PDB file of N, CA and C in Angstrom:
ATOM      1  N   MET A   1      12.836 -11.646 -38.617  1.00  0.00           N
ATOM      2  CA  MET A   1      11.784 -10.743 -38.233  1.00  0.00           C
ATOM      3  C   MET A   1      11.320 -11.119 -36.821  1.00  0.00           C
ATOM      4  N   ALA A   2      11.159 -10.121 -35.977  1.00  0.00           N
ATOM      5  CA  ALA A   2      10.760 -10.351 -34.589  1.00  0.00           C
ATOM      6  C   ALA A   2       9.284 -10.712 -34.523  1.00  0.00           C
ATOM      7  N   ALA A   3       8.987 -11.612 -33.632  1.00  0.00           N
ATOM      8  CA  ALA A   3       7.603 -12.031 -33.439  1.00  0.00           C
ATOM      9  C   ALA A   3       6.975 -11.201 -32.313  1.00  0.00           C
ATOM     10  N   LEU A   4       5.727 -10.956 -32.437  1.00  0.00           N
ATOM     11  CA  LEU A   4       4.982 -10.210 -31.431  1.00  0.00           C
ATOM     12  C   LEU A   4       4.085 -11.195 -30.688  1.00  0.00           C
ATOM     13  N   TYR A   5       4.272 -11.264 -29.391  1.00  0.00           N
ATOM     14  CA  TYR A   5       3.458 -12.146 -28.573  1.00  0.00           C
ATOM     15  C   TYR A   5       2.554 -11.298 -27.692  1.00  0.00           C
ATOM     16  N   LEU A   6       1.288 -11.559 -27.762  1.00  0.00           N
ATOM     17  CA  LEU A   6       0.338 -10.852 -26.919  1.00  0.00           C
ATOM     18  C   LEU A   6       0.060 -11.708 -25.693  1.00  0.00           C
ATOM     19  N   VAL A   7       0.267 -11.122 -24.546  1.00  0.00           N
ATOM     20  CA  VAL A   7       0.070 -11.834 -23.297  1.00  0.00           C
ATOM     21  C   VAL A   7      -1.105 -11.196 -22.577  1.00  0.00           C
ATOM     22  N   GLY A   8      -2.012 -12.021 -22.133  1.00  0.00           N
ATOM     23  CA  GLY A   8      -3.164 -11.499 -21.398  1.00  0.00           C
ATOM     24  C   GLY A   8      -2.722 -10.857 -20.096  1.00  0.00           C
ATOM     25  N   VAL A   9      -3.170  -9.658 -19.859  1.00  0.00           N
ATOM     26  CA  VAL A   9      -2.827  -8.941 -18.648  1.00  0.00           C
ATOM     27  C   VAL A   9      -4.064  -8.874 -17.761  1.00  0.00           C
ATOM     28  N   GLN A  10      -3.882  -9.212 -16.512  1.00  0.00           N
ATOM     29  CA  GLN A  10      -4.981  -9.136 -15.557  1.00  0.00           C
ATOM     30  C   GLN A  10      -5.150  -7.689 -15.127  1.00  0.00           C
ATOM     31  N   ALA A  11      -6.135  -7.027 -15.636  1.00  0.00           N
ATOM     32  CA  ALA A  11      -6.398  -5.645 -15.241  1.00  0.00           C
ATOM     33  C   ALA A  11      -7.355  -5.665 -14.063  1.00  0.00           C
ATOM     34  N   THR A  12      -7.000  -4.907 -13.042  1.00  0.00           N
ATOM     35  CA  THR A  12      -7.906  -4.828 -11.902  1.00  0.00           C
ATOM     36  C   THR A  12      -8.900  -3.713 -12.154  1.00  0.00           C
ATOM     37  N   LEU A  13     -10.135  -4.051 -11.974  1.00  0.00           N
ATOM     38  CA  LEU A  13     -11.198  -3.079 -12.192  1.00  0.00           C
ATOM     39  C   LEU A  13     -11.393  -2.252 -10.928  1.00  0.00           C
ATOM     40  N   PRO A  14     -11.788  -1.004 -11.097  1.00  0.00           N
ATOM     41  CA  PRO A  14     -12.071  -0.203  -9.909  1.00  0.00           C
ATOM     42  C   PRO A  14     -13.228  -0.816  -9.131  1.00  0.00           C
ATOM     43  N   PRO A  15     -13.239  -0.609  -7.830  1.00  0.00           N
ATOM     44  CA  PRO A  15     -14.318  -1.214  -7.051  1.00  0.00           C
ATOM     45  C   PRO A  15     -15.679  -0.681  -7.488  1.00  0.00           C
ATOM     46  N   SER A  16     -16.630  -1.571  -7.566  1.00  0.00           N
ATOM     47  CA  SER A  16     -17.985  -1.190  -7.955  1.00  0.00           C
ATOM     48  C   SER A  16     -18.827  -1.026  -6.703  1.00  0.00           C
ATOM     49  N   ILE A  17     -19.584   0.049  -6.639  1.00  0.00           N
ATOM     50  CA  ILE A  17     -20.441   0.256  -5.479  1.00  0.00           C
ATOM     51  C   ILE A  17     -21.585  -0.748  -5.460  1.00  0.00           C
ATOM     52  N   LEU A  18     -21.757  -1.479  -6.545  1.00  0.00           N
ATOM     53  CA  LEU A  18     -22.805  -2.490  -6.611  1.00  0.00           C
ATOM     54  C   LEU A  18     -22.318  -3.862  -6.140  1.00  0.00           C
ATOM     55  N   ALA A  19     -21.011  -4.021  -5.972  1.00  0.00           N
ATOM     56  CA  ALA A  19     -20.466  -5.307  -5.546  1.00  0.00           C
ATOM     57  C   ALA A  19     -20.892  -5.593  -4.109  1.00  0.00           C
ATOM     58  N   GLU A  20     -21.141  -6.864  -3.830  1.00  0.00           N
ATOM     59  CA  GLU A  20     -21.591  -7.253  -2.498  1.00  0.00           C
ATOM     60  C   GLU A  20     -20.586  -6.928  -1.410  1.00  0.00           C
ATOM     61  N   ASP A  21     -19.282  -7.045  -1.729  1.00  0.00           N
ATOM     62  CA  ASP A  21     -18.254  -6.826  -0.710  1.00  0.00           C
ATOM     63  C   ASP A  21     -17.815  -5.364  -0.596  1.00  0.00           C
ATOM     64  N   PHE A  22     -18.345  -4.463  -1.436  1.00  0.00           N
ATOM     65  CA  PHE A  22     -17.909  -3.067  -1.415  1.00  0.00           C
ATOM     66  C   PHE A  22     -18.143  -2.384  -0.068  1.00  0.00           C
ATOM     67  N   PRO A  23     -19.339  -2.499   0.543  1.00  0.00           N
ATOM     68  CA  PRO A  23     -19.531  -1.812   1.835  1.00  0.00           C
ATOM     69  C   PRO A  23     -18.546  -2.276   2.913  1.00  0.00           C
ATOM     70  N   ALA A  24     -18.235  -3.558   2.941  1.00  0.00           N
ATOM     71  CA  ALA A  24     -17.287  -4.075   3.939  1.00  0.00           C
ATOM     72  C   ALA A  24     -15.887  -3.544   3.679  1.00  0.00           C
ATOM     73  N   LYS A  25     -15.467  -3.518   2.405  1.00  0.00           N
ATOM     74  CA  LYS A  25     -14.137  -3.004   2.061  1.00  0.00           C
ATOM     75  C   LYS A  25     -14.029  -1.517   2.355  1.00  0.00           C
ATOM     76  N   LEU A  26     -15.063  -0.772   2.021  1.00  0.00           N
ATOM     77  CA  LEU A  26     -15.071   0.671   2.286  1.00  0.00           C
ATOM     78  C   LEU A  26     -15.024   0.936   3.784  1.00  0.00           C
ATOM     79  N   SER A  27     -15.768   0.177   4.545  1.00  0.00           N
ATOM     80  CA  SER A  27     -15.773   0.331   5.991  1.00  0.00           C
ATOM     81  C   SER A  27     -14.393   0.047   6.586  1.00  0.00           C
ATOM     82  N   ALA A  28     -13.741  -1.027   6.135  1.00  0.00           N
ATOM     83  CA  ALA A  28     -12.401  -1.370   6.624  1.00  0.00           C
ATOM     84  C   ALA A  28     -11.405  -0.273   6.268  1.00  0.00           C
ATOM     85  N   PHE A  29     -11.501   0.242   5.045  1.00  0.00           N
ATOM     86  CA  PHE A  29     -10.608   1.306   4.583  1.00  0.00           C
ATOM     87  C   PHE A  29     -10.800   2.563   5.436  1.00  0.00           C
ATOM     88  N   ASN A  30     -12.051   2.965   5.638  1.00  0.00           N
ATOM     89  CA  ASN A  30     -12.338   4.176   6.411  1.00  0.00           C
ATOM     90  C   ASN A  30     -11.964   4.019   7.886  1.00  0.00           C
ATOM     91  N   ASP A  31     -12.261   2.859   8.474  1.00  0.00           N
ATOM     92  CA  ASP A  31     -11.924   2.623   9.878  1.00  0.00           C
ATOM     93  C   ASP A  31     -10.414   2.683  10.100  1.00  0.00           C
ATOM     94  N   LEU A  32      -9.650   2.026   9.220  1.00  0.00           N
ATOM     95  CA  LEU A  32      -8.200   2.032   9.357  1.00  0.00           C
ATOM     96  C   LEU A  32      -7.645   3.433   9.138  1.00  0.00           C
ATOM     97  N   THR A  33      -8.190   4.171   8.185  1.00  0.00           N
ATOM     98  CA  THR A  33      -7.756   5.548   7.949  1.00  0.00           C
ATOM     99  C   THR A  33      -7.970   6.400   9.198  1.00  0.00           C
ATOM    100  N   ARG A  34      -9.125   6.277   9.816  1.00  0.00           N
ATOM    101  CA  ARG A  34      -9.413   7.034  11.041  1.00  0.00           C
ATOM    102  C   ARG A  34      -8.438   6.667  12.165  1.00  0.00           C
ATOM    103  N   GLU A  35      -8.169   5.369  12.328  1.00  0.00           N
ATOM    104  CA  GLU A  35      -7.263   4.941  13.390  1.00  0.00           C
ATOM    105  C   GLU A  35      -5.831   5.380  13.133  1.00  0.00           C
ATOM    106  N   ILE A  36      -5.413   5.361  11.869  1.00  0.00           N
ATOM    107  CA  ILE A  36      -4.064   5.823  11.529  1.00  0.00           C
ATOM    108  C   ILE A  36      -3.938   7.308  11.845  1.00  0.00           C
ATOM    109  N   ARG A  37      -4.929   8.085  11.455  1.00  0.00           N
ATOM    110  CA  ARG A  37      -4.912   9.518  11.784  1.00  0.00           C
ATOM    111  C   ARG A  37      -4.938   9.733  13.295  1.00  0.00           C
ATOM    112  N   GLY A  38      -5.745   8.948  13.992  1.00  0.00           N
ATOM    113  CA  GLY A  38      -5.833   9.058  15.441  1.00  0.00           C
ATOM    114  C   GLY A  38      -4.526   8.732  16.143  1.00  0.00           C
ATOM    115  N   ALA A  39      -3.674   7.936  15.503  1.00  0.00           N
ATOM    116  CA  ALA A  39      -2.366   7.576  16.056  1.00  0.00           C
ATOM    117  C   ALA A  39      -1.296   8.589  15.656  1.00  0.00           C
ATOM    118  N   SER A  40      -1.695   9.701  15.043  1.00  0.00           N
ATOM    119  CA  SER A  40      -0.786  10.782  14.602  1.00  0.00           C
ATOM    120  C   SER A  40       0.171  10.352  13.500  1.00  0.00           C
ATOM    121  N   ILE A  41      -0.207   9.332  12.735  1.00  0.00           N
ATOM    122  CA  ILE A  41       0.578   8.912  11.569  1.00  0.00           C
ATOM    123  C   ILE A  41       0.153   9.801  10.407  1.00  0.00           C
ATOM    124  N   VAL A  42       1.148  10.378   9.715  1.00  0.00           N
ATOM    125  CA  VAL A  42       0.859  11.329   8.639  1.00  0.00           C
ATOM    126  C   VAL A  42       0.506  10.575   7.357  1.00  0.00           C
ATOM    127  N   ILE A  43      -0.697  10.818   6.852  1.00  0.00           N
ATOM    128  CA  ILE A  43      -1.152  10.212   5.603  1.00  0.00           C
ATOM    129  C   ILE A  43      -0.854  11.156   4.457  1.00  0.00           C
ATOM    130  N   LYS A  44      -0.214  10.624   3.409  1.00  0.00           N
ATOM    131  CA  LYS A  44       0.079  11.423   2.217  1.00  0.00           C
ATOM    132  C   LYS A  44      -1.035  11.324   1.191  1.00  0.00           C
ATOM    133  N   HIS A  45      -1.483  10.096   0.913  1.00  0.00           N
ATOM    134  CA  HIS A  45      -2.501   9.862  -0.116  1.00  0.00           C
ATOM    135  C   HIS A  45      -3.413   8.718   0.312  1.00  0.00           C
ATOM    136  N   LEU A  46      -4.668   8.830  -0.076  1.00  0.00           N
ATOM    137  CA  LEU A  46      -5.619   7.739   0.088  1.00  0.00           C
ATOM    138  C   LEU A  46      -6.065   7.320  -1.308  1.00  0.00           C
ATOM    139  N   VAL A  47      -5.877   6.051  -1.645  1.00  0.00           N
ATOM    140  CA  VAL A  47      -6.232   5.555  -2.979  1.00  0.00           C
ATOM    141  C   VAL A  47      -7.210   4.394  -2.804  1.00  0.00           C
ATOM    142  N   LEU A  48      -8.492   4.718  -2.723  1.00  0.00           N
ATOM    143  CA  LEU A  48      -9.522   3.705  -2.503  1.00  0.00           C
ATOM    144  C   LEU A  48      -9.553   2.684  -3.638  1.00  0.00           C
ATOM    145  N   VAL A  49      -9.344   3.135  -4.851  1.00  0.00           N
ATOM    146  CA  VAL A  49      -9.380   2.234  -6.014  1.00  0.00           C
ATOM    147  C   VAL A  49      -8.375   1.091  -5.853  1.00  0.00           C
ATOM    148  N   ASP A  50      -7.202   1.401  -5.302  1.00  0.00           N
ATOM    149  CA  ASP A  50      -6.172   0.380  -5.090  1.00  0.00           C
ATOM    150  C   ASP A  50      -6.194  -0.184  -3.677  1.00  0.00           C
ATOM    151  N   ASN A  51      -7.136   0.289  -2.834  1.00  0.00           N
ATOM    152  CA  ASN A  51      -7.236  -0.147  -1.453  1.00  0.00           C
ATOM    153  C   ASN A  51      -5.917   0.095  -0.726  1.00  0.00           C
ATOM    154  N   LYS A  52      -5.356   1.323  -0.898  1.00  0.00           N
ATOM    155  CA  LYS A  52      -4.024   1.612  -0.402  1.00  0.00           C
ATOM    156  C   LYS A  52      -3.977   2.973   0.273  1.00  0.00           C
ATOM    157  N   ILE A  53      -3.307   3.011   1.424  1.00  0.00           N
ATOM    158  CA  ILE A  53      -3.064   4.235   2.172  1.00  0.00           C
ATOM    159  C   ILE A  53      -1.564   4.498   2.126  1.00  0.00           C
ATOM    160  N   PHE A  54      -1.168   5.663   1.628  1.00  0.00           N
ATOM    161  CA  PHE A  54       0.245   6.040   1.594  1.00  0.00           C
ATOM    162  C   PHE A  54       0.545   6.931   2.785  1.00  0.00           C
ATOM    163  N   ILE A  55       1.620   6.611   3.511  1.00  0.00           N
ATOM    164  CA  ILE A  55       2.003   7.403   4.674  1.00  0.00           C
ATOM    165  C   ILE A  55       3.379   8.032   4.451  1.00  0.00           C
ATOM    166  N   GLU A  56       3.703   9.014   5.298  1.00  0.00           N
ATOM    167  CA  GLU A  56       5.024   9.641   5.269  1.00  0.00           C
ATOM    168  C   GLU A  56       6.053   8.647   5.804  1.00  0.00           C
ATOM    169  N   PRO A  57       7.232   8.595   5.188  1.00  0.00           N
ATOM    170  CA  PRO A  57       8.278   7.694   5.696  1.00  0.00           C
ATOM    171  C   PRO A  57       8.631   7.967   7.160  1.00  0.00           C
ATOM    172  N   SER A  58       8.514   9.206   7.585  1.00  0.00           N
ATOM    173  CA  SER A  58       8.832   9.550   8.973  1.00  0.00           C
ATOM    174  C   SER A  58       7.837   8.942   9.958  1.00  0.00           C
ATOM    175  N   SER A  59       6.707   8.450   9.480  1.00  0.00           N
ATOM    176  CA  SER A  59       5.682   7.863  10.345  1.00  0.00           C
ATOM    177  C   SER A  59       5.763   6.339  10.433  1.00  0.00           C
ATOM    178  N   VAL A  60       6.726   5.737   9.756  1.00  0.00           N
ATOM    179  CA  VAL A  60       6.803   4.268   9.718  1.00  0.00           C
ATOM    180  C   VAL A  60       7.045   3.690  11.110  1.00  0.00           C
ATOM    181  N   GLU A  61       7.936   4.283  11.874  1.00  0.00           N
ATOM    182  CA  GLU A  61       8.228   3.763  13.206  1.00  0.00           C
ATOM    183  C   GLU A  61       6.974   3.808  14.089  1.00  0.00           C
ATOM    184  N   LEU A  62       6.230   4.894  13.989  1.00  0.00           N
ATOM    185  CA  LEU A  62       4.981   5.013  14.742  1.00  0.00           C
ATOM    186  C   LEU A  62       3.962   3.964  14.273  1.00  0.00           C
ATOM    187  N   LEU A  63       3.900   3.724  12.965  1.00  0.00           N
ATOM    188  CA  LEU A  63       3.018   2.691  12.419  1.00  0.00           C
ATOM    189  C   LEU A  63       3.378   1.327  13.004  1.00  0.00           C
ATOM    190  N   LEU A  64       4.672   1.027  13.070  1.00  0.00           N
ATOM    191  CA  LEU A  64       5.113  -0.263  13.591  1.00  0.00           C
ATOM    192  C   LEU A  64       4.775  -0.412  15.071  1.00  0.00           C
ATOM    193  N   ARG A  65       4.945   0.676  15.831  1.00  0.00           N
ATOM    194  CA  ARG A  65       4.625   0.610  17.255  1.00  0.00           C
ATOM    195  C   ARG A  65       3.129   0.443  17.501  1.00  0.00           C
ATOM    196  N   ARG A  66       2.329   1.167  16.744  1.00  0.00           N
ATOM    197  CA  ARG A  66       0.878   1.180  16.981  1.00  0.00           C
ATOM    198  C   ARG A  66       0.158  -0.015  16.342  1.00  0.00           C
ATOM    199  N   PHE A  67       0.576  -0.406  15.132  1.00  0.00           N
ATOM    200  CA  PHE A  67      -0.139  -1.441  14.382  1.00  0.00           C
ATOM    201  C   PHE A  67       0.710  -2.679  14.088  1.00  0.00           C
ATOM    202  N   GLY A  68       1.892  -2.773  14.677  1.00  0.00           N
ATOM    203  CA  GLY A  68       2.816  -3.866  14.367  1.00  0.00           C
ATOM    204  C   GLY A  68       2.214  -5.252  14.492  1.00  0.00           C
ATOM    205  N   HIS A  69       1.359  -5.453  15.479  1.00  0.00           N
ATOM    206  CA  HIS A  69       0.746  -6.769  15.691  1.00  0.00           C
ATOM    207  C   HIS A  69      -0.277  -7.116  14.609  1.00  0.00           C
ATOM    208  N   GLU A  70      -0.706  -6.125  13.817  1.00  0.00           N
ATOM    209  CA  GLU A  70      -1.697  -6.361  12.764  1.00  0.00           C
ATOM    210  C   GLU A  70      -1.089  -6.417  11.363  1.00  0.00           C
ATOM    211  N   LEU A  71       0.187  -6.052  11.232  1.00  0.00           N
ATOM    212  CA  LEU A  71       0.799  -5.953   9.911  1.00  0.00           C
ATOM    213  C   LEU A  71       1.142  -7.323   9.352  1.00  0.00           C
ATOM    214  N   ARG A  72       0.839  -7.509   8.090  1.00  0.00           N
ATOM    215  CA  ARG A  72       1.091  -8.765   7.384  1.00  0.00           C
ATOM    216  C   ARG A  72       1.701  -8.458   6.019  1.00  0.00           C
ATOM    217  N   SER A  73       2.331  -9.441   5.449  1.00  0.00           N
ATOM    218  CA  SER A  73       2.746  -9.416   4.048  1.00  0.00           C
ATOM    219  C   SER A  73       3.605  -8.206   3.677  1.00  0.00           C
ATOM    220  N   MET A  74       4.783  -8.087   4.295  1.00  0.00           N
ATOM    221  CA  MET A  74       5.714  -7.004   3.968  1.00  0.00           C
ATOM    222  C   MET A  74       6.331  -7.280   2.608  1.00  0.00           C
ATOM    223  N   ARG A  75       6.285  -6.291   1.725  1.00  0.00           N
ATOM    224  CA  ARG A  75       6.899  -6.431   0.405  1.00  0.00           C
ATOM    225  C   ARG A  75       7.451  -5.090  -0.039  1.00  0.00           C
ATOM    226  N   SER A  76       8.457  -5.149  -0.915  1.00  0.00           N
ATOM    227  CA  SER A  76       9.104  -3.940  -1.432  1.00  0.00           C
ATOM    228  C   SER A  76       9.353  -4.102  -2.916  1.00  0.00           C
ATOM    229  N   ALA A  77       9.221  -3.003  -3.636  1.00  0.00           N
ATOM    230  CA  ALA A  77       9.492  -3.008  -5.082  1.00  0.00           C
ATOM    231  C   ALA A  77      10.202  -1.714  -5.425  1.00  0.00           C
ATOM    232  N   SER A  78      11.357  -1.847  -6.076  1.00  0.00           N
ATOM    233  CA  SER A  78      12.137  -0.667  -6.457  1.00  0.00           C
ATOM    234  C   SER A  78      11.899  -0.317  -7.909  1.00  0.00           C
ATOM    235  N   ARG A  79      11.858   0.969  -8.148  1.00  0.00           N
ATOM    236  CA  ARG A  79      11.747   1.475  -9.512  1.00  0.00           C
ATOM    237  C   ARG A  79      12.487   2.799  -9.544  1.00  0.00           C
ATOM    238  N   GLY A  80      13.525   2.841 -10.387  1.00  0.00           N
ATOM    239  CA  GLY A  80      14.318   4.061 -10.450  1.00  0.00           C
ATOM    240  C   GLY A  80      15.035   4.304  -9.136  1.00  0.00           C
ATOM    241  N   ARG A  81      14.883   5.495  -8.594  1.00  0.00           N
ATOM    242  CA  ARG A  81      15.575   5.875  -7.362  1.00  0.00           C
ATOM    243  C   ARG A  81      14.775   5.566  -6.099  1.00  0.00           C
ATOM    244  N   PHE A  82      13.558   5.045  -6.238  1.00  0.00           N
ATOM    245  CA  PHE A  82      12.701   4.863  -5.081  1.00  0.00           C
ATOM    246  C   PHE A  82      12.267   3.407  -4.896  1.00  0.00           C
ATOM    247  N   THR A  83      12.020   3.054  -3.639  1.00  0.00           N
ATOM    248  CA  THR A  83      11.467   1.753  -3.289  1.00  0.00           C
ATOM    249  C   THR A  83      10.125   1.989  -2.613  1.00  0.00           C
ATOM    250  N   CYS A  84       9.118   1.275  -3.064  1.00  0.00           N
ATOM    251  CA  CYS A  84       7.793   1.344  -2.438  1.00  0.00           C
ATOM    252  C   CYS A  84       7.667   0.144  -1.507  1.00  0.00           C
ATOM    253  N   HIS A  85       7.518   0.417  -0.214  1.00  0.00           N
ATOM    254  CA  HIS A  85       7.336  -0.618   0.800  1.00  0.00           C
ATOM    255  C   HIS A  85       5.845  -0.708   1.104  1.00  0.00           C
ATOM    256  N   THR A  86       5.334  -1.919   1.192  1.00  0.00           N
ATOM    257  CA  THR A  86       3.904  -2.110   1.431  1.00  0.00           C
ATOM    258  C   THR A  86       3.689  -3.199   2.476  1.00  0.00           C
ATOM    259  N   VAL A  87       2.764  -2.937   3.388  1.00  0.00           N
ATOM    260  CA  VAL A  87       2.316  -3.934   4.353  1.00  0.00           C
ATOM    261  C   VAL A  87       0.791  -3.962   4.297  1.00  0.00           C
ATOM    262  N   THR A  88       0.211  -5.022   4.803  1.00  0.00           N
ATOM    263  CA  THR A  88      -1.240  -5.141   4.802  1.00  0.00           C
ATOM    264  C   THR A  88      -1.735  -5.240   6.244  1.00  0.00           C
ATOM    265  N   ALA A  89      -2.759  -4.458   6.542  1.00  0.00           N
ATOM    266  CA  ALA A  89      -3.418  -4.509   7.848  1.00  0.00           C
ATOM    267  C   ALA A  89      -4.921  -4.481   7.612  1.00  0.00           C
ATOM    268  N   ARG A  90      -5.624  -5.452   8.159  1.00  0.00           N
ATOM    269  CA  ARG A  90      -7.087  -5.524   8.032  1.00  0.00           C
ATOM    270  C   ARG A  90      -7.549  -5.542   6.579  1.00  0.00           C
ATOM    271  N   GLY A  91      -6.740  -6.114   5.699  1.00  0.00           N
ATOM    272  CA  GLY A  91      -7.104  -6.203   4.288  1.00  0.00           C
ATOM    273  C   GLY A  91      -6.827  -4.947   3.490  1.00  0.00           C
ATOM    274  N   VAL A  92      -6.211  -3.941   4.104  1.00  0.00           N
ATOM    275  CA  VAL A  92      -5.891  -2.681   3.430  1.00  0.00           C
ATOM    276  C   VAL A  92      -4.375  -2.554   3.361  1.00  0.00           C
ATOM    277  N   ASP A  93      -3.852  -2.145   2.198  1.00  0.00           N
ATOM    278  CA  ASP A  93      -2.415  -1.942   2.042  1.00  0.00           C
ATOM    279  C   ASP A  93      -2.019  -0.574   2.578  1.00  0.00           C
ATOM    280  N   ILE A  94      -0.900  -0.548   3.299  1.00  0.00           N
ATOM    281  CA  ILE A  94      -0.309   0.693   3.785  1.00  0.00           C
ATOM    282  C   ILE A  94       1.072   0.758   3.153  1.00  0.00           C
ATOM    283  N   ALA A  95       1.371   1.882   2.479  1.00  0.00           N
ATOM    284  CA  ALA A  95       2.611   1.970   1.710  1.00  0.00           C
ATOM    285  C   ALA A  95       3.347   3.268   1.997  1.00  0.00           C
ATOM    286  N   TRP A  96       4.660   3.259   1.743  1.00  0.00           N
ATOM    287  CA  TRP A  96       5.503   4.449   1.842  1.00  0.00           C
ATOM    288  C   TRP A  96       6.699   4.262   0.917  1.00  0.00           C
ATOM    289  N   TYR A  97       7.295   5.366   0.546  1.00  0.00           N
ATOM    290  CA  TYR A  97       8.444   5.356  -0.358  1.00  0.00           C
ATOM    291  C   TYR A  97       9.710   5.701   0.399  1.00  0.00           C
ATOM    292  N   SER A  98      10.823   5.099  -0.033  1.00  0.00           N
ATOM    293  CA  SER A  98      12.149   5.459   0.465  1.00  0.00           C
ATOM    294  C   SER A  98      13.095   5.470  -0.725  1.00  0.00           C
ATOM    295  N   LEU A  99      14.235   6.119  -0.553  1.00  0.00           N
ATOM    296  CA  LEU A  99      15.255   6.117  -1.595  1.00  0.00           C
ATOM    297  C   LEU A  99      15.900   4.742  -1.661  1.00  0.00           C
ATOM    298  N   VAL A 100      16.247   4.309  -2.866  1.00  0.00           N
ATOM    299  CA  VAL A 100      16.948   3.040  -3.046  1.00  0.00           C
ATOM    300  C   VAL A 100      18.320   3.176  -2.424  1.00  0.00           C
ATOM    301  N   LYS A 101      18.709   2.173  -1.645  1.00  0.00           N
ATOM    302  CA  LYS A 101      20.018   2.205  -0.996  1.00  0.00           C
ATOM    303  C   LYS A 101      21.047   1.594  -1.939  1.00  0.00           C
ATOM    304  N   GLU A 102      22.161   2.283  -2.071  1.00  0.00           N
ATOM    305  CA  GLU A 102      23.252   1.793  -2.921  1.00  0.00           C
ATOM    306  C   GLU A 102      23.951   0.629  -2.228  1.00  0.00           C
ATOM    307  N   GLN A 103      24.302  -0.386  -2.989  1.00  0.00           N
ATOM    308  CA  GLN A 103      25.035  -1.513  -2.445  1.00  0.00           C
ATOM    309  C   GLN A 103      26.515  -1.155  -2.381  1.00  0.00           C
ATOM    310  N   ASP A 104      27.173  -1.577  -1.313  1.00  0.00           N
ATOM    311  CA  ASP A 104      28.614  -1.346  -1.193  1.00  0.00           C
ATOM    312  C   ASP A 104      29.338  -2.309  -2.123  1.00  0.00           C
ATOM    313  N   HIS A 105      30.216  -1.794  -2.935  1.00  0.00           N
ATOM    314  CA  HIS A 105      31.023  -2.625  -3.855  1.00  0.00           C
ATOM    315  C   HIS A 105      32.461  -2.570  -3.393  1.00  0.00           C
ATOM    316  N   GLU A 106      33.003  -3.721  -3.032  1.00  0.00           N
ATOM    317  CA  GLU A 106      34.401  -3.754  -2.594  1.00  0.00           C
ATOM    318  C   GLU A 106      35.204  -4.599  -3.520  1.00  0.00           C
TER     319      GLU A 106
END
């Protein structure tokens, strides 16, 4: 008979407007959003709960040119046919999706 193991999962709570750091996080999120728009980078989605800005893949090169000196912590995660690439700037995640690239098999 199979055993069932319950593992504690760290659930992230949505930001509370009562938290001391909320105004600073909101300000950073809004300031970066304004600057990204001002740089003509196309924003697809804004997800304040996850502190994440999703941009169009076609805007990645412009993001690198305009904000490259501020980008930290590049990471990628694939699921199905897509890879989500994420970088962090000013404490806010900026993400975009691309198709998973097939590996050459010889």
